[in-house]
Amino acid sequence: MIQESKEETHSTTLVWSVILLHQFNHVISGAMPILYPDIMGEFSLSYSQLGLIRSAITFAQGFPQMFVGFFRRWFSGRVIIGVGNLINSIMSVLSAFSSGFLQFFGLSVLAGLGSSTQHPIGASLISAATEPAKRGRMLGLNQAIPSLAFSFTPLIAAYLVTRIGWRSTLSLLSIPALILSIVIILFIKGRGSVEATTKDALNWSNLKDSLRNRNVLSISLLRSVVAFRMGVRTFLPLYFIDVLGFSSETSSLLYSIMLFGGVLGPFFWGYTSEKVNRKPLIIGIMVVSSFGYFCLNYVKEFLSLAALLFIIGFMVQTVIVQSVLSDSVERSQLDQMFGLYFTIGFTISSFSSILFGYIVDFFGFNWGFTYIAAITGVSLIPAFFVQEPRNRKNPAF
């Protein structure tokens, strides 16, 4: 009994450490939209070129997520996620001191490769270490708390970049992830079942069987469509400055307000999803989100824009979708399923950045926002095919 209590305490510590590391991971990526205007100026980049950079980095973050679970054959998820974030933070520090654009580009891509372990392994660890009745809120916290970093980091980055430059700012903001990665690798462990390795990691036969699951297929299609809109947020601070004429400080504030909505939304929707059927929530969120992005074409006054951006940030369906996914497959398949889920999203979204940049360069932001609204509307189609696993007689586990 005492041993079980100790293991449960260690697993709780591990879960919160993974969530905190996710937050520090977002501190690095959350600073980049604020740093990009200075980076664009230093390297004389166009919107299309910035989109190409973002696409390459996002692809490096995304495509390997399907395969990082393979290392669970030999290492615990804790070690994989710690080493990945250690690589991410070290490469980010080095990129901040790069001597030219190509060096910056290459190191940023390597940082993205390291970051690829965070989402699939982190979501899998939290799902495995949390009882089903509380899984929705913990997955919500795993999105809400890191989103808090997305909310306050732009303000911190905007303050720092005007005083110490983008290079020192990026280097400084990479340090917390570096330190916590080392702590997780060396000092934190979960209970035996969470730490255990598995020979089923990246089993193609099991993957094919899982894809016959209606929810896995529907969620994979939904994720594929939604991924085409993921490039838009990188460009919003530039839109606020270049089109609406706001200052860098005001742009950072607006961007932070939207991201703050993303702090409250995941926990709210995660908690709500534990009480009611999740399919109507997913559909409702997507409808409001589509309308919100379309309204960006017409809302330009600061207060109205701030309210709209908060609503857009608050409408987060991903935590609900992840909760459905985790209830729809066997525990042994969590690494593989979350790997597939995040690989689809990040890989497709790597192309969305360059596509959105191209639309903005040649047709303007209004066409860009209309495109994002349309993509969000199309994602409703696979959402209608999602089933509620809790209503089945034989849940996955």
Protein backbone atom coordinates (compact mmCIF):
# COMPACT_ATOMS: atom_id res chain seq x y z
CA MET A 1 0.00 0.00 0.00
CA ILE A 2 2.81 2.41 0.91
CA GLN A 3 4.65 1.48 -2.30
CA GLU A 4 1.48 2.14 -4.37
CA SER A 5 1.05 5.50 -2.66
CA LYS A 6 4.64 6.47 -3.48
CA GLU A 7 4.23 5.42 -7.10
CA GLU A 8 1.00 7.41 -7.39
CA THR A 9 2.75 10.49 -5.96
CA HIS A 10 5.63 10.07 -8.40
CA SER A 11 3.20 9.73 -11.31
CA THR A 12 1.38 12.89 -10.25
CA THR A 13 4.71 14.71 -10.11
CA LEU A 14 5.56 13.39 -13.54
CA VAL A 15 2.23 14.53 -15.01
CA TRP A 16 2.64 18.07 -13.70
CA SER A 17 6.29 18.14 -14.80
CA VAL A 18 5.24 17.14 -18.33
CA ILE A 19 2.60 19.89 -18.36
CA LEU A 20 5.13 22.46 -17.11
CA LEU A 21 7.68 21.34 -19.70
CA HIS A 22 4.98 21.74 -22.34
CA GLN A 23 4.56 25.30 -21.09
CA PHE A 24 8.28 26.04 -21.39
CA ASN A 25 8.23 24.49 -24.86
CA HIS A 26 5.53 27.02 -25.76
CA VAL A 27 7.56 29.86 -24.26
CA ILE A 28 10.08 29.28 -27.05
CA SER A 29 7.59 28.90 -29.88
CA GLY A 30 5.27 31.58 -28.48
CA ALA A 31 7.99 34.20 -28.68
CA MET A 32 8.68 33.63 -32.38
CA PRO A 33 5.74 35.61 -33.90
CA ILE A 34 6.94 38.65 -31.96
CA LEU A 35 10.55 38.10 -33.04
CA TYR A 36 9.72 37.51 -36.71
CA PRO A 37 9.38 41.21 -37.67
CA ASP A 38 12.97 41.80 -36.51
CA ILE A 39 14.15 38.55 -38.12
CA MET A 40 12.40 39.48 -41.38
CA GLY A 41 14.06 42.88 -41.30
CA GLU A 42 17.52 41.50 -40.62
CA PHE A 43 17.30 38.89 -43.39
CA SER A 44 15.06 40.91 -45.79
CA LEU A 45 12.31 38.28 -45.99
CA SER A 46 8.90 38.43 -47.71
CA TYR A 47 5.67 36.94 -46.31
CA SER A 48 6.09 33.96 -48.64
CA GLN A 49 9.65 33.39 -47.42
CA LEU A 50 8.50 33.60 -43.80
CA GLY A 51 5.79 31.08 -44.65
CA LEU A 52 8.46 28.79 -46.12
CA ILE A 53 10.52 29.05 -42.92
CA ARG A 54 7.50 28.29 -40.77
CA SER A 55 6.57 25.39 -43.02
CA ALA A 56 10.00 23.79 -42.71
CA ILE A 57 10.08 24.19 -38.93
CA THR A 58 6.51 22.95 -38.49
CA PHE A 59 7.23 19.94 -40.72
CA ALA A 60 10.28 19.14 -38.58
CA GLN A 61 8.12 19.40 -35.47
CA GLY A 62 5.28 17.39 -36.94
CA PHE A 63 6.25 14.56 -39.26
CA PRO A 64 8.51 12.73 -36.76
CA GLN A 65 5.70 12.64 -34.18
CA MET A 66 4.37 9.48 -35.79
CA PHE A 67 7.70 7.78 -35.20
CA VAL A 68 8.98 9.04 -31.83
CA GLY A 69 6.80 6.42 -30.11
CA PHE A 70 9.10 3.79 -31.68
CA PHE A 71 11.69 4.67 -29.02
CA ARG A 72 9.27 3.40 -26.37
CA ARG A 73 10.63 -0.05 -27.22
CA TRP A 74 13.78 0.90 -25.28
CA PHE A 75 13.09 4.09 -23.29
CA SER A 76 10.33 5.41 -21.06
CA GLY A 77 8.22 8.27 -22.35
CA ARG A 78 9.73 10.46 -19.65
CA VAL A 79 13.25 10.05 -21.06
CA ILE A 80 12.08 10.57 -24.65
CA ILE A 81 10.22 13.77 -23.87
CA GLY A 82 13.09 15.07 -21.72
CA VAL A 83 15.78 14.43 -24.35
CA GLY A 84 13.59 15.90 -27.09
CA ASN A 85 13.03 19.14 -25.22
CA LEU A 86 16.70 19.29 -24.27
CA ILE A 87 17.58 19.21 -27.99
CA ASN A 88 14.91 21.83 -28.71
CA SER A 89 16.18 24.27 -26.10
CA ILE A 90 19.89 23.81 -26.95
CA MET A 91 19.28 24.27 -30.69
CA SER A 92 17.16 27.36 -29.97
CA VAL A 93 19.97 28.90 -27.93
CA LEU A 94 22.46 28.13 -30.69
CA SER A 95 20.14 29.58 -33.37
CA ALA A 96 19.99 32.80 -31.40
CA PHE A 97 23.75 33.17 -31.96
CA SER A 98 23.78 32.04 -35.60
CA SER A 99 25.98 34.08 -37.93
CA GLY A 100 23.65 33.99 -40.94
CA PHE A 101 20.22 33.08 -42.21
CA LEU A 102 21.03 29.56 -43.40
CA GLN A 103 22.59 28.70 -40.05
CA PHE A 104 19.57 30.12 -38.22
CA PHE A 105 17.26 28.17 -40.52
CA GLY A 106 19.11 24.87 -40.03
CA LEU A 107 19.35 25.14 -36.25
CA SER A 108 15.66 26.09 -36.03
CA VAL A 109 14.73 22.96 -37.98
CA LEU A 110 16.84 20.83 -35.60
CA ALA A 111 15.07 22.49 -32.67
CA GLY A 112 11.78 21.52 -34.28
CA LEU A 113 12.91 17.90 -34.51
CA GLY A 114 13.60 17.90 -30.78
CA SER A 115 10.24 19.50 -30.07
CA SER A 116 8.44 16.70 -31.95
CA THR A 117 8.45 14.49 -28.83
CA GLN A 118 6.38 16.89 -26.70
CA HIS A 119 2.82 16.48 -27.97
CA PRO A 120 2.38 12.74 -28.67
CA ILE A 121 4.50 11.44 -25.79
CA GLY A 122 3.19 14.10 -23.39
CA ALA A 123 -0.48 13.39 -24.18
CA SER A 124 0.16 9.65 -23.94
CA LEU A 125 1.93 9.95 -20.57
CA ILE A 126 -0.84 12.09 -19.11
CA SER A 127 -3.57 9.76 -20.42
CA ALA A 128 -1.81 6.66 -19.05
CA ALA A 129 -1.07 8.21 -15.65
CA THR A 130 -4.57 9.69 -15.10
CA GLU A 131 -7.76 7.84 -14.23
CA PRO A 132 -10.43 8.03 -16.98
CA ALA A 133 -12.84 10.13 -14.89
CA LYS A 134 -10.28 12.95 -14.67
CA ARG A 135 -8.63 12.53 -18.06
CA GLY A 136 -10.59 15.30 -19.78
CA ARG A 137 -9.58 17.99 -17.31
CA MET A 138 -5.93 16.88 -17.20
CA LEU A 139 -5.68 16.87 -20.98
CA GLY A 140 -7.36 20.27 -20.79
CA LEU A 141 -4.73 21.49 -18.35
CA ASN A 142 -2.04 20.10 -20.67
CA GLN A 143 -3.34 22.52 -23.26
CA ALA A 144 -4.49 25.39 -21.03
CA ILE A 145 -1.31 25.84 -18.98
CA PRO A 146 1.01 25.79 -22.02
CA SER A 147 -1.42 28.19 -23.70
CA LEU A 148 -0.81 30.50 -20.75
CA ALA A 149 2.78 30.67 -21.96
CA PHE A 150 1.51 31.59 -25.41
CA SER A 151 -0.48 34.36 -23.72
CA PHE A 152 2.18 36.05 -21.62
CA THR A 153 5.27 35.24 -23.69
CA PRO A 154 4.46 37.76 -26.49
CA LEU A 155 4.32 40.54 -23.91
CA ILE A 156 7.61 39.47 -22.36
CA ALA A 157 9.21 39.01 -25.78
CA ALA A 158 7.98 42.44 -26.94
CA TYR A 159 9.52 44.03 -23.84
CA LEU A 160 12.82 42.17 -24.16
CA VAL A 161 13.30 42.53 -27.91
CA THR A 162 13.24 46.33 -27.72
CA ARG A 163 15.94 46.26 -25.05
CA ILE A 164 18.27 43.35 -25.78
CA GLY A 165 17.37 42.35 -29.35
CA TRP A 166 15.79 39.20 -30.77
CA ARG A 167 18.90 37.04 -30.40
CA SER A 168 19.33 37.53 -26.66
CA THR A 169 15.56 37.30 -26.15
CA LEU A 170 15.34 33.91 -27.86
CA SER A 171 18.34 32.61 -25.96
CA LEU A 172 17.00 33.76 -22.59
CA LEU A 173 13.53 32.30 -23.14
CA SER A 174 15.00 28.90 -24.04
CA ILE A 175 16.70 28.39 -20.66
CA PRO A 176 13.69 27.20 -18.56
CA ALA A 177 12.98 24.27 -20.92
CA LEU A 178 16.64 23.30 -20.86
CA ILE A 179 16.74 23.16 -17.06
CA LEU A 180 13.45 21.28 -16.59
CA SER A 181 14.40 18.75 -19.29
CA ILE A 182 17.49 17.80 -17.30
CA VAL A 183 15.45 17.55 -14.08
CA ILE A 184 12.88 15.24 -15.68
CA ILE A 185 15.55 12.97 -17.18
CA LEU A 186 17.56 12.64 -13.98
CA PHE A 187 15.22 13.04 -11.03
CA ILE A 188 11.53 12.32 -11.85
CA LYS A 189 9.92 8.92 -12.39
CA GLY A 190 6.36 7.64 -12.72
CA ARG A 191 4.84 4.37 -11.54
CA GLY A 192 5.92 1.15 -13.21
CA SER A 193 3.10 0.96 -15.75
CA VAL A 194 3.80 4.52 -16.91
CA GLU A 195 7.56 4.02 -17.12
CA ALA A 196 7.28 0.65 -18.85
CA THR A 197 8.61 0.12 -22.36
CA THR A 198 6.47 -1.69 -24.94
CA LYS A 199 7.19 -3.93 -27.90
CA ASP A 200 3.95 -2.74 -29.53
CA ALA A 201 5.37 0.72 -30.14
CA LEU A 202 4.81 1.67 -33.78
CA ASN A 203 3.18 -1.62 -34.69
CA TRP A 204 1.84 -1.23 -38.24
CA SER A 205 -0.62 -4.11 -37.90
CA ASN A 206 -2.17 -2.56 -34.78
CA LEU A 207 -2.20 0.83 -36.49
CA LYS A 208 -4.20 -0.55 -39.43
CA ASP A 209 -6.62 -2.20 -37.02
CA SER A 210 -7.04 1.08 -35.11
CA LEU A 211 -7.76 2.99 -38.32
CA ARG A 212 -10.84 0.78 -38.76
CA ASN A 213 -12.15 2.41 -35.58
CA ARG A 214 -14.78 4.97 -36.62
CA ASN A 215 -13.59 7.59 -34.14
CA VAL A 216 -9.93 7.22 -35.07
CA LEU A 217 -10.77 7.65 -38.75
CA SER A 218 -13.18 10.57 -38.19
CA ILE A 219 -10.79 12.38 -35.86
CA SER A 220 -7.89 11.82 -38.26
CA LEU A 221 -9.92 13.39 -41.09
CA LEU A 222 -11.02 16.28 -38.87
CA ARG A 223 -7.43 16.88 -37.82
CA SER A 224 -6.33 16.80 -41.47
CA VAL A 225 -8.77 19.52 -42.51
CA VAL A 226 -8.27 21.76 -39.47
CA ALA A 227 -4.50 21.60 -39.96
CA PHE A 228 -4.83 23.76 -43.08
CA ARG A 229 -5.73 26.75 -40.89
CA MET A 230 -2.88 26.41 -38.40
CA GLY A 231 -0.53 28.81 -40.19
CA VAL A 232 -2.72 31.86 -39.68
CA ARG A 233 -1.68 32.80 -36.14
CA THR A 234 1.97 33.34 -37.05
CA PHE A 235 0.88 36.15 -39.36
CA LEU A 236 -1.55 37.96 -37.04
CA PRO A 237 1.01 40.24 -35.31
CA LEU A 238 2.25 41.24 -38.78
CA TYR A 239 -1.36 41.95 -39.85
CA PHE A 240 -1.94 44.14 -36.81
CA ILE A 241 1.20 46.17 -37.55
CA ASP A 242 1.39 46.23 -41.36
CA VAL A 243 -2.33 46.49 -42.22
CA LEU A 244 -4.13 47.91 -39.20
CA GLY A 245 -1.26 50.21 -38.25
CA PHE A 246 -0.99 49.26 -34.58
CA SER A 247 2.29 49.61 -32.71
CA SER A 248 4.38 46.57 -31.79
CA GLU A 249 3.22 46.84 -28.18
CA THR A 250 -0.48 47.01 -29.15
CA SER A 251 -0.01 44.15 -31.60
CA SER A 252 1.55 42.02 -28.85
CA LEU A 253 -1.33 42.87 -26.50
CA LEU A 254 -3.96 41.84 -29.06
CA TYR A 255 -2.10 38.64 -29.82
CA SER A 256 -1.84 37.87 -26.10
CA ILE A 257 -5.58 38.43 -25.61
CA MET A 258 -6.34 35.83 -28.26
CA LEU A 259 -3.88 33.40 -26.69
CA PHE A 260 -5.33 34.06 -23.22
CA GLY A 261 -8.65 32.82 -24.58
CA GLY A 262 -6.70 29.67 -25.43
CA VAL A 263 -5.69 29.41 -21.77
CA LEU A 264 -9.24 29.38 -20.43
CA GLY A 265 -10.85 27.48 -23.30
CA PRO A 266 -9.08 24.08 -23.06
CA PHE A 267 -9.73 23.61 -19.34
CA PHE A 268 -13.33 24.83 -19.66
CA TRP A 269 -14.08 22.54 -22.60
CA GLY A 270 -12.11 19.64 -21.07
CA TYR A 271 -14.10 19.88 -17.82
CA THR A 272 -17.39 20.32 -19.69
CA SER A 273 -16.63 17.30 -21.88
CA GLU A 274 -16.56 15.11 -18.75
CA LYS A 275 -20.19 16.02 -18.01
CA VAL A 276 -21.91 15.96 -21.43
CA ASN A 277 -21.60 14.25 -24.80
CA ARG A 278 -18.62 15.59 -26.67
CA LYS A 279 -19.80 15.51 -30.30
CA PRO A 280 -22.17 18.53 -29.96
CA LEU A 281 -19.38 20.47 -28.25
CA ILE A 282 -16.96 19.79 -31.12
CA ILE A 283 -19.51 20.86 -33.74
CA GLY A 284 -20.57 24.00 -31.86
CA ILE A 285 -16.98 25.13 -31.32
CA MET A 286 -16.13 24.68 -35.00
CA VAL A 287 -19.19 26.72 -36.11
CA VAL A 288 -18.35 29.65 -33.83
CA SER A 289 -14.67 29.46 -34.75
CA SER A 290 -15.43 29.61 -38.50
CA PHE A 291 -17.66 32.66 -38.04
CA GLY A 292 -15.04 34.33 -35.84
CA TYR A 293 -12.24 34.02 -38.41
CA PHE A 294 -14.55 35.41 -41.12
CA CYS A 295 -15.35 38.41 -38.91
CA LEU A 296 -11.65 39.35 -38.86
CA ASN A 297 -12.33 40.84 -42.31
CA TYR A 298 -14.61 43.49 -40.81
CA VAL A 299 -13.60 44.06 -37.17
CA LYS A 300 -10.71 46.52 -36.98
CA GLU A 301 -11.33 48.73 -33.91
CA PHE A 302 -9.18 47.80 -30.91
CA LEU A 303 -11.81 46.86 -28.29
CA SER A 304 -14.06 44.96 -30.71
CA LEU A 305 -11.04 43.22 -32.19
CA ALA A 306 -9.80 42.26 -28.72
CA ALA A 307 -13.19 40.69 -27.87
CA LEU A 308 -13.30 38.80 -31.18
CA LEU A 309 -9.76 37.52 -30.76
CA PHE A 310 -10.53 36.29 -27.24
CA ILE A 311 -13.53 34.32 -28.57
CA ILE A 312 -11.42 32.82 -31.38
CA GLY A 313 -8.80 31.76 -28.85
CA PHE A 314 -11.44 30.36 -26.46
CA MET A 315 -13.02 28.10 -29.10
CA VAL A 316 -10.67 25.13 -28.74
CA GLN A 317 -11.90 21.70 -29.81
CA THR A 318 -8.60 19.83 -29.66
CA VAL A 319 -8.79 18.83 -26.00
CA ILE A 320 -12.26 17.33 -26.54
CA VAL A 321 -11.09 15.46 -29.62
CA GLN A 322 -8.06 14.13 -27.74
CA SER A 323 -10.30 12.96 -24.90
CA VAL A 324 -12.54 11.07 -27.35
CA LEU A 325 -9.47 9.56 -29.01
CA SER A 326 -7.95 8.39 -25.72
CA ASP A 327 -11.25 6.67 -24.80
CA SER A 328 -11.54 5.00 -28.20
CA VAL A 329 -8.35 2.89 -28.29
CA GLU A 330 -6.50 0.47 -26.04
CA ARG A 331 -3.99 1.90 -23.58
CA SER A 332 -1.10 0.17 -25.37
CA GLN A 333 -1.97 2.10 -28.54
CA LEU A 334 -1.99 5.59 -26.99
CA ASP A 335 1.56 6.48 -28.10
CA GLN A 336 0.85 5.37 -31.64
CA MET A 337 -2.58 7.03 -31.88
CA PHE A 338 -1.43 10.35 -30.47
CA GLY A 339 1.62 10.13 -32.72
CA LEU A 340 -0.67 9.72 -35.73
CA TYR A 341 -2.95 12.52 -34.52
CA PHE A 342 -0.17 15.06 -34.04
CA THR A 343 1.78 13.97 -37.12
CA ILE A 344 -1.26 14.61 -39.31
CA GLY A 345 -1.81 18.04 -37.78
CA PHE A 346 1.75 19.30 -37.80
CA THR A 347 2.72 17.81 -41.16
CA ILE A 348 -0.24 19.26 -43.03
CA SER A 349 0.03 22.55 -41.16
CA SER A 350 3.63 22.84 -42.33
CA PHE A 351 2.20 23.41 -45.80
CA SER A 352 -0.55 25.69 -44.51
CA SER A 353 1.95 28.37 -43.47
CA ILE A 354 3.45 28.77 -46.92
CA LEU A 355 -0.02 28.57 -48.50
CA PHE A 356 -1.38 31.31 -46.23
CA GLY A 357 1.73 33.42 -46.85
CA TYR A 358 1.22 33.04 -50.61
CA ILE A 359 -2.46 34.06 -50.36
CA VAL A 360 -1.56 37.14 -48.31
CA ASP A 361 1.27 38.15 -50.66
CA PHE A 362 -0.87 37.97 -53.80
CA PHE A 363 -4.46 38.51 -52.63
CA GLY A 364 -4.29 40.19 -49.20
CA PHE A 365 -5.31 39.30 -45.66
CA ASN A 366 -9.07 39.47 -46.37
CA TRP A 367 -8.85 36.52 -48.74
CA GLY A 368 -6.61 34.80 -46.21
CA PHE A 369 -9.15 35.09 -43.38
CA THR A 370 -11.99 33.96 -45.68
CA TYR A 371 -9.92 30.91 -46.62
CA ILE A 372 -9.36 30.06 -42.92
CA ALA A 373 -13.10 30.42 -42.18
CA ALA A 374 -13.96 28.12 -45.11
CA ILE A 375 -11.46 25.48 -43.99
CA THR A 376 -12.93 25.53 -40.48
CA GLY A 377 -16.42 25.08 -41.93
CA VAL A 378 -15.34 22.08 -44.02
CA SER A 379 -13.96 20.38 -40.89
CA LEU A 380 -17.55 20.02 -39.66
CA ILE A 381 -18.10 17.17 -42.11
CA PRO A 382 -15.92 14.55 -40.35
CA ALA A 383 -17.04 15.92 -36.96
CA PHE A 384 -20.56 14.63 -37.63
CA PHE A 385 -19.23 11.05 -37.77
CA VAL A 386 -17.63 11.10 -34.30
CA GLN A 387 -19.25 8.75 -31.78
CA GLU A 388 -19.29 9.03 -27.98
CA PRO A 389 -17.20 6.10 -26.58
CA ARG A 390 -18.74 6.47 -23.13
CA ASN A 391 -22.13 5.47 -24.54
CA ARG A 392 -20.79 2.11 -25.71
CA LYS A 393 -21.26 -1.05 -23.68
CA ASN A 394 -17.59 -2.03 -24.03
CA PRO A 395 -15.35 1.03 -23.77
CA ALA A 396 -11.72 0.73 -24.79
CA PHE A 397 -10.60 0.76 -21.17
